[in-house]
Protein backbone atom coordinates (compact mmCIF):
# COMPACT_ATOMS: atom_id res chain seq x y z
CA MET A 1 30.91 111.45 -75.79
CA ALA A 2 34.71 111.26 -76.05
CA SER A 3 34.60 112.88 -79.49
CA ILE A 4 32.41 115.74 -78.23
CA GLN A 5 34.75 116.24 -75.29
CA GLN A 6 37.69 116.60 -77.69
CA ILE A 7 35.77 119.18 -79.76
CA ASN A 8 35.36 121.16 -76.56
CA GLY A 9 39.01 120.80 -75.56
CA ASP A 10 38.55 118.36 -72.66
CA TYR A 11 41.25 115.89 -73.70
CA TYR A 12 41.87 114.34 -70.29
CA GLY A 13 38.12 113.83 -69.85
CA SER A 14 37.98 112.35 -73.35
CA LYS A 15 40.66 109.77 -72.46
CA GLU A 16 38.73 108.85 -69.31
CA THR A 17 35.53 108.32 -71.34
CA LEU A 18 37.41 106.24 -73.92
CA THR A 19 38.74 104.04 -71.12
CA GLU A 20 35.16 103.47 -69.96
CA ALA A 21 34.25 102.44 -73.52
CA LEU A 22 36.97 99.77 -73.78
CA PRO A 23 35.11 96.96 -71.91
CA TYR A 24 32.36 97.09 -74.55
CA ILE A 25 34.80 96.17 -77.31
CA LYS A 26 34.56 92.42 -77.93
CA LYS A 27 36.67 92.17 -81.10
CA LYS A 28 39.01 94.18 -83.31
CA ASP A 29 36.86 96.19 -85.72
CA VAL A 30 35.86 99.72 -86.77
CA TYR A 31 34.94 100.58 -83.15
CA SER A 32 38.28 99.56 -81.66
CA ALA A 33 40.04 101.43 -84.49
CA SER A 34 37.99 104.54 -83.74
CA ILE A 35 38.76 104.35 -80.00
CA ASN A 36 42.51 104.02 -80.62
CA ASN A 37 42.43 106.89 -83.12
CA LEU A 38 40.65 109.14 -80.57
CA PHE A 39 43.21 108.14 -77.91
CA GLY A 40 45.92 109.23 -80.35
CA ILE A 41 44.24 112.58 -81.03
CA ALA A 42 43.91 113.29 -77.30
CA ASP A 43 47.59 112.51 -76.64
CA LYS A 44 48.63 114.55 -79.69
CA GLU A 45 46.77 117.63 -78.36
CA LEU A 46 48.33 117.03 -74.93
CA ALA A 47 51.79 116.85 -76.61
CA ILE A 48 52.27 113.22 -75.47
CA TYR A 49 53.61 112.37 -78.91
CA ASP A 50 55.05 108.87 -78.40
CA ASP A 51 51.77 107.64 -76.89
CA ALA A 52 49.85 109.30 -79.71
CA ILE A 53 51.85 107.42 -82.36
CA TYR A 54 51.37 104.15 -80.43
CA TYR A 55 47.57 104.52 -80.48
CA TYR A 56 47.53 105.53 -84.15
CA ASN A 57 49.48 102.35 -84.99
CA GLU A 58 47.00 100.31 -82.95
CA ALA A 59 44.18 101.94 -84.92
CA ILE A 60 45.88 100.94 -88.19
CA LYS A 61 46.03 97.30 -87.02
CA ASP A 62 42.29 97.33 -86.35
CA CYS A 63 41.32 98.95 -89.68
CA THR A 64 39.58 96.53 -92.01
CA ASP A 65 40.38 98.26 -95.35
CA SER A 66 42.89 100.60 -96.97
CA PHE A 67 40.54 103.59 -96.96
CA SER A 68 40.08 103.62 -93.19
CA LYS A 69 43.86 103.42 -92.65
CA GLN A 70 44.38 106.84 -94.27
CA PHE A 71 43.14 108.71 -91.17
CA PRO A 72 45.56 107.27 -88.57
CA LEU A 73 48.39 107.37 -91.17
CA ASN A 74 47.72 111.06 -91.79
CA ASN A 75 47.57 111.66 -88.03
CA ILE A 76 50.95 109.95 -87.51
CA ALA A 77 52.41 112.30 -90.14
CA VAL A 78 50.95 115.34 -88.31
CA VAL A 79 52.60 114.20 -85.04
CA ASN A 80 55.91 113.72 -86.87
CA ILE A 81 55.65 117.31 -88.15
CA GLN A 82 55.09 118.54 -84.60
CA GLN A 83 58.13 116.51 -83.51
CA LYS A 84 60.11 118.08 -86.41
CA LYS A 85 60.57 114.64 -87.98
CA TYR A 86 59.75 116.01 -91.41
CA ASP A 87 61.24 113.15 -93.46
CA LYS A 88 59.03 110.62 -91.69
CA ALA A 89 55.97 112.81 -92.16
CA ILE A 90 56.71 113.20 -95.90
CA PHE A 91 57.18 109.43 -96.23
CA PHE A 92 53.75 108.65 -94.69
CA LEU A 93 51.88 111.36 -96.58
CA GLU A 94 53.41 110.52 -99.98
CA SER A 95 52.64 106.83 -99.39
CA ILE A 96 48.98 107.74 -98.90
CA LEU A 97 48.93 109.78 -102.12
CA ASN A 98 50.90 107.19 -104.14
CA GLN A 99 48.72 104.28 -103.04
CA LYS A 100 45.60 106.21 -104.05
CA ILE A 101 43.72 105.05 -100.96
CA LEU A 102 41.99 108.42 -100.46
CA ASP A 103 38.23 108.00 -100.77
CA ASN A 104 37.24 111.63 -101.51
CA ARG A 105 38.57 115.09 -102.50
CA GLU A 106 38.24 116.41 -98.95
CA ASN A 107 40.67 113.81 -97.61
CA HIS A 108 42.90 114.30 -100.67
CA ALA A 109 43.13 118.03 -99.91
CA ARG A 110 43.92 117.34 -96.23
CA VAL A 111 46.83 115.03 -97.05
CA LYS A 112 48.17 117.36 -99.75
CA ASP A 113 48.04 120.35 -97.36
CA ASN A 114 49.91 118.42 -94.62
CA LEU A 115 52.48 117.23 -97.18
CA GLY A 116 53.04 120.80 -98.43
CA TYR A 117 53.38 122.03 -94.84
CA ALA A 118 55.96 119.27 -94.12
CA TYR A 119 58.00 120.23 -97.20
CA PHE A 120 57.83 123.90 -96.12
CA LYS A 121 59.06 123.07 -92.59
CA LYS A 122 61.84 120.92 -94.06
CA GLY A 123 63.02 123.91 -96.15
CA ILE A 124 61.73 122.80 -99.55
CA THR A 125 59.59 125.92 -99.72
CA LYS A 126 58.65 126.06 -103.40
CA LYS A 127 57.25 122.56 -103.53
CA GLY A 128 55.57 123.07 -100.14
CA LEU A 129 53.85 126.27 -101.32
CA THR A 130 52.58 124.62 -104.50
CA LEU A 131 50.99 121.73 -102.56
CA MET A 132 49.41 124.01 -99.93
CA LEU A 133 47.93 126.31 -102.64
CA GLU A 134 46.55 123.29 -104.54
CA SER A 135 44.96 122.04 -101.32
CA LEU A 136 43.34 125.41 -100.58
CA GLU A 137 42.00 125.57 -104.16
CA ILE A 138 40.40 122.10 -103.78
CA ARG A 139 38.90 122.99 -100.41
CA THR A 140 37.46 126.25 -101.73
CA ARG A 141 36.00 124.50 -104.77
CA ILE A 142 34.27 121.73 -102.77
CA ASN A 143 33.27 124.16 -99.99
CA ASP A 144 35.34 122.38 -97.31
CA ILE A 145 35.03 125.32 -94.91
CA TYR A 146 36.68 123.70 -91.88
CA GLY A 147 39.58 122.38 -93.97
CA ALA A 148 40.12 125.86 -95.43
CA ILE A 149 40.94 127.16 -91.93
CA GLU A 150 43.98 124.87 -91.69
CA SER A 151 45.15 125.77 -95.22
CA ASN A 152 44.97 129.52 -94.45
CA LEU A 153 46.84 129.03 -91.16
CA HIS A 154 49.62 127.06 -92.89
CA LEU A 155 49.94 129.70 -95.65
CA ALA A 156 49.93 132.50 -93.06
CA GLU A 157 52.84 130.81 -91.32
CA TYR A 158 54.60 130.28 -94.67
CA TYR A 159 54.57 134.01 -95.55
CA VAL A 160 55.59 135.29 -92.07
CA LYS A 161 59.20 135.84 -93.11
CA THR A 162 58.77 136.59 -96.83
CA ASP A 163 55.56 138.63 -97.25
CA ILE A 164 54.03 139.96 -94.03
CA ASP A 165 50.94 141.36 -95.79
CA LYS A 166 50.07 138.00 -97.35
CA SER A 167 50.64 136.35 -93.99
CA ASN A 168 48.17 138.74 -92.36
CA ASP A 169 45.61 138.23 -95.16
CA TYR A 170 45.70 134.44 -94.75
CA ALA A 171 45.54 134.75 -90.95
CA LYS A 172 42.50 137.06 -91.19
CA ASN A 173 40.80 134.64 -93.61
CA ALA A 174 41.42 131.81 -91.15
CA TYR A 175 40.02 133.92 -88.30
CA GLN A 176 36.83 134.81 -90.23
CA ILE A 177 36.13 131.21 -91.29
CA ALA A 178 36.89 129.88 -87.78
CA THR A 179 34.47 132.46 -86.33
CA LYS A 180 31.70 131.27 -88.67
CA CYS A 181 32.42 127.63 -87.75
CA ASN A 182 32.69 128.51 -84.05
CA SER A 183 36.12 126.87 -84.02
CA VAL A 184 37.75 128.52 -81.04
CA ASP A 185 41.21 126.91 -81.17
CA GLU A 186 41.70 127.96 -84.81
CA ARG A 187 40.55 131.51 -83.94
CA LEU A 188 43.19 131.65 -81.22
CA LYS A 189 45.89 130.38 -83.65
CA SER A 190 44.89 133.05 -86.19
CA LEU A 191 45.02 135.82 -83.58
CA ALA A 192 48.40 134.57 -82.36
CA ILE A 193 49.84 134.94 -85.88
CA LEU A 194 48.38 138.44 -86.29
CA ILE A 195 49.75 139.51 -82.91
CA ALA A 196 53.17 138.05 -83.77
CA ASN A 197 53.08 139.98 -87.07
CA GLY A 198 52.70 143.23 -85.06
CA LEU A 199 49.04 144.09 -85.67
CA GLY A 200 48.60 145.88 -82.38
CA THR A 201 46.32 145.98 -79.40
CA GLU A 202 42.99 145.13 -81.05
CA TYR A 203 43.90 141.52 -81.77
CA ALA A 204 45.64 141.09 -78.42
CA LYS A 205 42.44 142.11 -76.60
CA LYS A 206 40.40 139.71 -78.74
CA TYR A 207 42.86 136.91 -77.93
CA ILE A 208 42.67 137.51 -74.16
CA THR A 209 38.86 137.80 -74.16
CA LEU A 210 38.42 134.68 -76.31
CA ASN A 211 40.90 132.65 -74.29
CA ASP A 212 39.19 133.54 -70.97
CA SER A 213 35.80 132.72 -72.46
CA ILE A 214 36.85 129.33 -73.78
CA ILE A 215 38.32 128.32 -70.43
CA LYS A 216 34.95 129.00 -68.74
CA ILE A 217 32.98 127.23 -71.47
CA ARG A 218 35.18 124.14 -71.36
CA ASN A 219 34.97 123.95 -67.60
CA ASN A 220 31.17 124.09 -67.91
CA TYR A 221 31.27 121.25 -70.45
CA LYS A 222 33.36 119.17 -68.04
CA ASN A 223 30.78 119.73 -65.30
CA LYS A 224 27.92 118.88 -67.67
CA PHE A 225 29.53 115.61 -68.70
CA ALA A 226 30.33 114.74 -65.10
CA LYS A 227 26.66 115.26 -64.13
CA ILE A 228 25.41 113.28 -67.16
CA LYS A 229 27.72 110.39 -66.23
CA TYR A 230 26.70 110.54 -62.58
CA ASP A 231 22.94 110.60 -63.31
CA SER A 232 23.28 107.86 -65.89
CA LYS A 233 25.32 105.67 -63.56
CA LYS A 234 22.92 106.26 -60.67
CA GLU A 235 19.88 105.30 -62.75
CA LYS A 236 21.69 102.31 -64.17
CA ASP A 237 22.78 101.13 -60.71
CA GLU A 238 19.21 101.45 -59.35
CA ASN A 239 17.76 99.50 -62.26
CA GLU A 240 20.48 96.92 -61.92
CA LYS A 241 19.77 96.59 -58.19
CA LEU A 242 16.03 96.00 -58.79
CA ARG A 243 16.77 93.53 -61.56
CA LEU A 244 19.24 91.65 -59.37
CA GLU A 245 16.80 91.47 -56.44
CA LYS A 246 14.12 90.02 -58.70
CA ALA A 247 16.58 87.60 -60.26
CA GLU A 248 17.92 86.55 -56.84
CA ASN A 249 14.42 85.70 -55.61
CA ALA A 250 13.77 83.60 -58.69
CA LEU A 251 17.15 81.95 -58.39
CA ALA A 252 16.63 81.12 -54.73
CA LEU A 253 13.52 79.12 -55.59
CA LYS A 254 15.21 77.52 -58.56
CA ASP A 255 18.34 76.71 -56.58
CA ALA A 256 16.37 74.87 -53.92
CA GLU A 257 14.83 72.66 -56.58
CA ASN A 258 18.11 72.22 -58.41
CA GLN A 259 19.93 71.27 -55.21
CA LYS A 260 17.54 68.39 -54.67
CA ILE A 261 18.01 67.19 -58.23
CA MET A 262 21.78 67.62 -58.02
CA PHE A 263 21.99 65.78 -54.72
CA VAL A 264 20.10 62.78 -56.06
CA SER A 265 22.04 62.86 -59.34
CA ALA A 266 25.38 63.14 -57.54
CA PHE A 267 24.50 60.23 -55.26
CA ILE A 268 23.59 58.03 -58.24
CA ILE A 269 26.73 59.07 -60.14
CA LEU A 270 28.84 58.38 -57.05
CA LEU A 271 27.42 54.87 -56.80
CA PHE A 272 28.19 54.19 -60.46
CA LEU A 273 31.65 55.70 -60.07
CA LEU A 274 32.48 53.59 -57.03
CA ALA A 275 31.28 50.47 -58.82
CA TYR A 276 33.35 51.34 -61.88
CA LEU A 277 36.47 52.12 -59.83
CA LYS A 278 36.14 48.87 -57.91
CA LYS A 279 35.80 46.88 -61.09
CA HIS A 280 38.69 48.76 -62.69
CA SER A 281 40.87 48.23 -59.60
CA ASP A 282 40.03 44.53 -59.48
CA ASN A 283 40.90 44.14 -63.17
CA ARG A 284 44.14 46.06 -62.78
CA ASN A 285 45.19 44.01 -59.74
CA ARG A 286 44.32 40.82 -61.58
CA ILE A 287 46.37 41.88 -64.61
CA GLU A 288 49.30 42.93 -62.42
CA LYS A 289 49.26 39.59 -60.62
CA ILE A 290 49.17 37.71 -63.92
CA LYS A 291 52.05 39.83 -65.24
CA ALA A 292 54.04 39.35 -62.04
CA VAL A 293 53.59 35.58 -62.31
CA GLN A 294 54.62 35.64 -65.96
CA ASP A 295 57.68 37.75 -65.19
CA THR A 296 58.67 35.41 -62.35
CA GLU A 297 58.24 32.32 -64.53
CA THR A 298 60.26 33.93 -67.31
CA ARG A 299 63.04 34.89 -64.91
CA ILE A 300 63.17 31.43 -63.34
CA ALA A 301 63.25 29.78 -66.75
CA LYS A 302 66.05 32.07 -67.90
CA ASP A 303 68.11 31.48 -64.75
CA ILE A 304 67.68 27.71 -65.07
CA HIS A 305 68.59 27.79 -68.76
CA ASP A 306 71.49 30.24 -68.52
CA GLU A 307 73.18 29.03 -65.37
CA LEU A 308 71.73 25.95 -63.68
CA ALA A 309 71.39 23.84 -66.84
CA ASN A 310 75.03 24.49 -67.76
CA ASP A 311 76.19 23.53 -64.24
CA VAL A 312 74.14 20.29 -64.30
CA PHE A 313 75.42 19.45 -67.78
CA HIS A 314 79.03 19.95 -66.66
CA ALA A 315 78.41 17.76 -63.58
CA ILE A 316 76.93 14.96 -65.74
CA THR A 317 79.80 15.24 -68.19
CA PHE A 318 82.26 15.08 -65.31
CA THR A 319 80.75 11.83 -63.99
CA GLN A 320 80.88 10.29 -67.48
CA THR A 321 84.46 11.20 -68.17
CA GLN A 322 86.09 10.80 -64.77
CA THR A 323 86.64 7.83 -62.48
CA LEU A 324 84.71 8.40 -59.27
CA THR A 325 86.78 6.03 -57.18
CA THR A 326 89.50 8.53 -56.31
CA GLU A 327 89.08 11.01 -53.45
CA ASN A 328 90.02 14.04 -55.56
CA THR A 329 87.40 13.19 -58.17
CA LYS A 330 84.73 12.66 -55.54
CA GLU A 331 85.63 15.95 -53.84
CA THR A 332 85.41 17.85 -57.16
CA LEU A 333 82.00 16.29 -57.90
CA VAL A 334 80.75 17.19 -54.41
CA LYS A 335 81.85 20.80 -54.95
CA LYS A 336 80.02 20.94 -58.27
CA LEU A 337 76.85 19.50 -56.72
CA ASP A 338 77.13 21.88 -53.76
CA HIS A 339 77.46 24.81 -56.19
CA ILE A 340 74.34 23.58 -58.04
CA TYR A 341 72.49 23.29 -54.73
CA THR A 342 73.55 26.83 -53.75
CA ARG A 343 72.33 28.18 -57.12
CA VAL A 344 68.97 26.39 -56.69
CA ARG A 345 68.58 27.96 -53.24
CA GLY A 346 69.51 31.37 -54.69
CA ILE A 347 66.93 31.13 -57.48
CA SER A 348 64.33 29.97 -54.98
CA ARG A 349 65.11 32.80 -52.59
CA GLU A 350 65.01 35.39 -55.39
CA ASN A 351 61.47 34.40 -56.30
CA ASN A 352 60.04 33.58 -52.89
CA ASP A 353 57.94 36.02 -50.92
CA ILE A 354 60.11 38.40 -48.91
CA ASP A 355 60.01 38.12 -45.14
CA THR A 356 59.73 41.72 -43.89
CA GLY A 357 59.53 40.72 -40.22
CA PRO A 358 62.20 40.63 -37.49
CA ASN A 359 64.49 38.40 -39.60
CA TYR A 360 64.51 40.80 -42.54
CA SER A 361 68.14 41.96 -42.17
CA VAL A 362 69.38 38.38 -41.70
CA ASN A 363 67.56 37.13 -44.80
CA LEU A 364 68.69 40.17 -46.82
CA LYS A 365 72.32 39.61 -45.87
CA GLU A 366 72.02 35.88 -46.62
CA MET A 367 70.52 36.67 -50.07
CA LEU A 368 73.37 39.04 -50.89
CA SER A 369 75.95 36.54 -49.63
CA THR A 370 74.76 33.89 -52.10
CA TYR A 371 76.50 35.91 -54.83
CA ASN A 372 79.87 35.18 -53.20
CA SER A 373 81.87 32.86 -55.40
CA GLU A 374 85.45 31.88 -56.25
CA ASN A 375 85.59 34.88 -58.60
CA THR A 376 83.55 37.45 -56.66
CA ASN A 377 83.86 38.64 -53.06
CA VAL A 378 80.75 40.41 -51.69
CA ILE A 379 81.29 42.63 -48.60
CA ILE A 380 78.25 43.87 -46.65
CA THR A 381 78.67 46.52 -43.93
CA ASN A 382 76.42 48.14 -41.29
CA ILE A 383 73.26 46.27 -42.33
CA GLU A 384 72.55 45.44 -38.66
CA LYS A 385 72.76 49.15 -37.67
CA ILE A 386 69.61 50.04 -39.58
CA SER A 387 66.41 50.15 -37.48
CA TRP A 388 64.47 47.95 -39.91
CA ASP A 389 61.50 47.63 -37.56
CA ILE A 390 60.48 51.28 -38.15
CA ILE A 391 60.70 51.03 -41.95
CA GLU A 392 57.53 50.21 -43.91
CA ASP A 393 57.18 46.73 -45.40
CA THR A 394 56.75 48.20 -48.88
CA LYS A 395 60.14 49.90 -48.63
CA LYS A 396 61.81 46.73 -47.31
CA PHE A 397 60.36 44.78 -50.21
CA THR A 398 61.61 47.40 -52.69
CA ILE A 399 65.13 47.45 -51.20
CA GLN A 400 65.49 43.67 -51.45
CA ARG A 401 64.20 43.52 -55.03
CA VAL A 402 66.43 46.40 -56.16
CA LEU A 403 69.52 44.87 -54.52
CA GLN A 404 68.66 41.51 -56.13
CA GLU A 405 68.53 43.19 -59.53
CA LEU A 406 71.84 44.96 -58.85
CA MET A 407 73.52 41.67 -57.93
CA VAL A 408 72.08 39.88 -60.99
CA ASN A 409 73.26 42.79 -63.15
CA MET A 410 76.73 42.50 -61.55
CA LYS A 411 76.94 38.79 -62.22
CA LYS A 412 75.78 39.10 -65.84
CA HIS A 413 77.56 42.26 -66.91
CA SER A 414 80.17 43.55 -64.47
CA GLU A 415 82.17 40.36 -63.72
CA ALA A 416 83.44 42.23 -60.66
CA PRO A 417 86.04 40.61 -58.38
CA LEU A 418 84.90 42.81 -55.48
CA VAL A 419 81.48 44.13 -54.49
CA VAL A 420 80.92 46.42 -51.46
CA ILE A 421 77.42 47.20 -50.19
CA LYS A 422 77.39 49.80 -47.40
CA PHE A 423 74.26 50.67 -45.39
CA ALA A 424 73.92 53.96 -43.48
CA SER A 425 71.18 55.51 -41.36
CA GLN A 426 70.47 59.24 -41.05
CA SER A 427 67.84 60.96 -38.90
CA ASN A 428 65.08 60.78 -41.51
CA SER A 429 66.51 58.56 -44.23
CA VAL A 430 68.37 55.39 -45.10
CA SER A 431 71.13 55.27 -47.72
CA ILE A 432 72.73 52.32 -49.50
CA ASP A 433 76.01 52.63 -51.43
CA TYR A 434 76.79 49.88 -53.93
CA THR A 435 80.28 49.75 -55.47
CA ASP A 436 82.00 47.14 -57.63
CA ASN A 437 85.28 47.12 -59.57
CA GLY A 438 83.90 45.40 -62.65
CA LYS A 439 83.94 46.33 -66.32
CA GLY A 440 81.56 49.29 -66.00
CA CYS A 441 79.87 50.75 -69.08
CA GLU A 442 78.91 53.98 -70.83
CA LYS A 443 76.37 56.06 -68.83
CA SER A 444 74.14 56.26 -71.90
CA LYS A 445 73.79 52.46 -71.85
CA ILE A 446 72.70 52.15 -68.21
CA ILE A 447 68.99 51.99 -69.02
CA LYS A 448 69.62 49.41 -71.74
CA ASN A 449 71.18 47.13 -69.11
CA GLY A 450 67.82 46.68 -67.41
CA LEU A 451 68.26 49.21 -64.62
CA GLN A 452 65.20 51.28 -65.53
CA ASN A 453 63.07 48.95 -63.37
CA MET A 454 65.25 49.74 -60.32
CA GLU A 455 64.75 53.48 -60.81
CA ASN A 456 60.99 53.05 -61.11
CA ARG A 457 60.84 51.03 -57.90
CA ILE A 458 62.86 53.59 -55.91
CA LEU A 459 60.87 56.53 -57.24
CA ALA A 460 57.67 54.74 -56.24
CA ILE A 461 58.71 54.90 -52.57
CA LYS A 462 59.76 58.57 -52.93
CA GLY A 463 63.45 57.76 -52.90
CA THR A 464 66.33 58.65 -55.21
CA ILE A 465 68.80 56.49 -57.11
CA THR A 466 71.88 57.65 -59.00
CA PHE A 467 74.16 55.58 -61.21
CA GLY A 468 77.87 56.22 -61.78
CA THR A 469 79.94 54.25 -64.23
CA GLU A 470 82.62 54.46 -66.89
CA PRO A 471 84.17 51.70 -69.03
CA HIS A 472 86.73 49.69 -67.06
CA LYS A 473 86.18 51.85 -63.94
CA GLY A 474 83.54 49.87 -62.13
CA PHE A 475 79.92 50.55 -61.28
CA LYS A 476 78.46 52.70 -58.46
CA VAL A 477 74.90 53.16 -57.26
CA LYS A 478 73.66 55.53 -54.54
CA ILE A 479 70.17 54.83 -53.11
CA THR A 480 68.46 57.13 -50.61
CA MET A 481 64.94 56.78 -49.27
CA PRO A 482 62.92 58.27 -46.39
CA LYS A 483 62.35 56.10 -43.30
């Protein structure tokens, strides 16, 4: 339909029909190439040259072989001629001839004629004339009547300035052939040349009469196509409506049956899913408890080995090497034993269940205070100003464990003389600032120091934790969490 509309000069209607054809294209093939080529022709005739070249290039992409590419390539060259880009046109047309992708003499003559016309328009008249004459000779020999019209028109234009009689002869030949073929546009082009060459009133009258006639005919074609589309769409819509009503009735019965089956199936699947999830949850909880116990045992063993065992060994060695009768010796031994006792209480408190009740702040402060020593001073501020009773137990538990890990990290790595832990309460959040003046470290090594676990804990309660440290400039941690 789009092709017929173009033959009858309805290029806007052709583009509309082509747009309606697009949804039927499921893949790139000869049909999509044909649609893009027709889009290009329509835009070329409407003088929308950039769009025409775009569609011709799309057609080339969809062509499956070299032969089919010759048509959009030739069409691109024609548009370039109309845009006066003669070098580009010559490049495309010569590439078609040199690659020998033309599949018959008719197409060979078309390309040769366009190439000769391009050379003529560029000013290389002798070569252009030779090619156009060769093309006309081929078209006459193979009886390509429609192609001969274009050759005669090109030659008529060629001789306008050099031989007016030859120009008129070629224009008259084009007019006669176009009349036989009922090719109205070519008849109008022929008459336009004759009128421009000064052949009087007769041809002017023919031009006006023919032009008025073609306008009426093309308007009639537009109306015919509009009616065909309307009737076709109406019939299609009615058939589709009946088919849908029948299908809906069948589906309604089927849906009722399917809903019963789906309901029973979903109920059974839900039971199996709940059973599976319960079993999976039980297994995961069991594994987590086992892992937690193993981690606790490992931590206790490490603390006893790294710190408590050394303190006990030094106390035993002290009793074996010193006389316990003097007051100074006894006092030193008591201090060592008291230190061991304090460390035992600290290890016990670190691994006991956390009391999240009314005494939470007291126990938290006491836990942090156990890290006070001769070499480290721990300062805790504003812990009593936090409304701990409105904070969830899970968050209290997380805070205590994270602060424990921070203090252990300080003792093992920072060797800080001073540690300050500052608590602050905002309207919707609680913040904790930890600062020490220890050795610090490279930021890239923070995770390697075992602090990844702290970050995971804080993120789990939708809080944030940031670390700040540099070598020999201490260690800072900022914790913020919602109440």
